[in-house]
Amino acid sequence: MSANDFTFNDLVEKALSDPAFRKGLVEDPASTLESAGMDAPDKLVTALEKVDWVSLERVVAAFGSGDRTDTAVIC
């Protein structure tokens, strides 16, 4: 899969299911995305820097690893 084949859903699924990837997004989003073979445009990196990662960790803990994100509805 090339960098251009990754979707936002792919990014979210990986962040929910992979604690090391999630930690990398917190510490250095651009490098983490590039290491995963994903594009890291400035707009996306800026958005990731604004994510409330503590709340995301709570969601992961409450709902599991994220392996069923295709059926989840978040409002």
C-alpha atoms as a PDB file:
ATOM      1  CA  MET A   1       0.000   0.000   0.000  1.00  0.00           C
ATOM      2  CA  SER A   2       1.485   3.339  -0.999  1.00  0.00           C
ATOM      3  CA  ALA A   3       1.321   6.478   1.121  1.00  0.00           C
ATOM      4  CA  ASN A   4      -1.478   7.829  -1.058  1.00  0.00           C
ATOM      5  CA  ASP A   5      -3.602   4.715  -0.425  1.00  0.00           C
ATOM      6  CA  PHE A   6      -3.967   5.437   3.306  1.00  0.00           C
ATOM      7  CA  THR A   7      -7.221   7.031   4.373  1.00  0.00           C
ATOM      8  CA  PHE A   8      -8.114   8.912   7.517  1.00  0.00           C
ATOM      9  CA  ASN A   9      -9.946   5.768   8.659  1.00  0.00           C
ATOM     10  CA  ASP A  10      -6.699   3.793   8.261  1.00  0.00           C
ATOM     11  CA  LEU A  11      -4.934   6.340  10.451  1.00  0.00           C
ATOM     12  CA  VAL A  12      -7.635   6.188  13.129  1.00  0.00           C
ATOM     13  CA  GLU A  13      -7.738   2.379  13.115  1.00  0.00           C
ATOM     14  CA  LYS A  14      -3.964   2.186  13.481  1.00  0.00           C
ATOM     15  CA  ALA A  15      -3.973   4.781  16.282  1.00  0.00           C
ATOM     16  CA  LEU A  16      -6.707   2.889  18.143  1.00  0.00           C
ATOM     17  CA  SER A  17      -5.186  -0.556  17.750  1.00  0.00           C
ATOM     18  CA  ASP A  18      -1.448   0.159  18.030  1.00  0.00           C
ATOM     19  CA  PRO A  19      -0.281   1.744  21.318  1.00  0.00           C
ATOM     20  CA  ALA A  20       3.248   2.382  20.000  1.00  0.00           C
ATOM     21  CA  PHE A  21       1.881   4.180  16.933  1.00  0.00           C
ATOM     22  CA  ARG A  22      -0.473   6.221  19.127  1.00  0.00           C
ATOM     23  CA  LYS A  23       2.450   7.181  21.390  1.00  0.00           C
ATOM     24  CA  GLY A  24       4.449   8.194  18.327  1.00  0.00           C
ATOM     25  CA  LEU A  25       1.614  10.425  17.142  1.00  0.00           C
ATOM     26  CA  VAL A  26       1.717  12.203  20.501  1.00  0.00           C
ATOM     27  CA  GLU A  27       5.496  12.632  20.552  1.00  0.00           C
ATOM     28  CA  ASP A  28       6.293  13.296  16.879  1.00  0.00           C
ATOM     29  CA  PRO A  29       3.341  13.013  14.492  1.00  0.00           C
ATOM     30  CA  ALA A  30       5.245  13.832  11.281  1.00  0.00           C
ATOM     31  CA  SER A  31       7.992  11.251  11.817  1.00  0.00           C
ATOM     32  CA  THR A  32       5.511   8.629  12.997  1.00  0.00           C
ATOM     33  CA  LEU A  33       3.336   9.039   9.910  1.00  0.00           C
ATOM     34  CA  GLU A  34       6.332   8.968   7.589  1.00  0.00           C
ATOM     35  CA  SER A  35       7.725   5.854   9.316  1.00  0.00           C
ATOM     36  CA  ALA A  36       4.366   4.143   8.748  1.00  0.00           C
ATOM     37  CA  GLY A  37       4.491   5.035   5.058  1.00  0.00           C
ATOM     38  CA  MET A  38       1.803   7.698   5.336  1.00  0.00           C
ATOM     39  CA  ASP A  39       1.887  11.219   3.979  1.00  0.00           C
ATOM     40  CA  ALA A  40       2.404  13.871   6.661  1.00  0.00           C
ATOM     41  CA  PRO A  41       1.046  17.162   5.299  1.00  0.00           C
ATOM     42  CA  ASP A  42       1.369  20.134   7.633  1.00  0.00           C
ATOM     43  CA  LYS A  43      -2.414  20.425   8.010  1.00  0.00           C
ATOM     44  CA  LEU A  44      -2.691  16.819   9.251  1.00  0.00           C
ATOM     45  CA  VAL A  45       0.284  17.164  11.608  1.00  0.00           C
ATOM     46  CA  THR A  46      -1.217  20.342  13.076  1.00  0.00           C
ATOM     47  CA  ALA A  47      -4.560  18.584  13.581  1.00  0.00           C
ATOM     48  CA  LEU A  48      -2.868  15.621  15.282  1.00  0.00           C
ATOM     49  CA  GLU A  49      -1.030  17.971  17.628  1.00  0.00           C
ATOM     50  CA  LYS A  50      -4.431  19.238  18.815  1.00  0.00           C
ATOM     51  CA  VAL A  51      -5.929  15.803  19.563  1.00  0.00           C
ATOM     52  CA  ASP A  52      -6.968  15.177  23.163  1.00  0.00           C
ATOM     53  CA  TRP A  53      -4.930  11.996  23.534  1.00  0.00           C
ATOM     54  CA  VAL A  54      -6.008  11.405  27.141  1.00  0.00           C
ATOM     55  CA  SER A  55      -9.629  11.179  26.008  1.00  0.00           C
ATOM     56  CA  LEU A  56      -8.650   8.905  23.133  1.00  0.00           C
ATOM     57  CA  GLU A  57      -6.868   6.579  25.569  1.00  0.00           C
ATOM     58  CA  ARG A  58     -10.058   6.452  27.651  1.00  0.00           C
ATOM     59  CA  VAL A  59     -12.093   5.502  24.577  1.00  0.00           C
ATOM     60  CA  VAL A  60      -9.624   2.750  23.721  1.00  0.00           C
ATOM     61  CA  ALA A  61      -9.743   1.441  27.282  1.00  0.00           C
ATOM     62  CA  ALA A  62     -13.540   1.513  27.330  1.00  0.00           C
ATOM     63  CA  PHE A  63     -14.127  -0.110  23.951  1.00  0.00           C
ATOM     64  CA  GLY A  64     -11.098  -2.300  23.409  1.00  0.00           C
ATOM     65  CA  SER A  65      -8.323  -2.378  20.859  1.00  0.00           C
ATOM     66  CA  GLY A  66     -10.236  -0.802  17.996  1.00  0.00           C
ATOM     67  CA  ASP A  67     -10.356  -3.928  15.853  1.00  0.00           C
ATOM     68  CA  ARG A  68     -14.044  -3.250  15.146  1.00  0.00           C
ATOM     69  CA  THR A  69     -13.833   0.423  14.149  1.00  0.00           C
ATOM     70  CA  ASP A  70     -15.653  -0.370  10.908  1.00  0.00           C
ATOM     71  CA  THR A  71     -18.845  -0.956  12.914  1.00  0.00           C
ATOM     72  CA  ALA A  72     -18.430   1.849  15.431  1.00  0.00           C
ATOM     73  CA  VAL A  73     -20.444   5.038  15.240  1.00  0.00           C
ATOM     74  CA  ILE A  74     -19.008   8.045  17.012  1.00  0.00           C
ATOM     75  CA  CYS A  75     -21.204  11.113  17.342  1.00  0.00           C
END
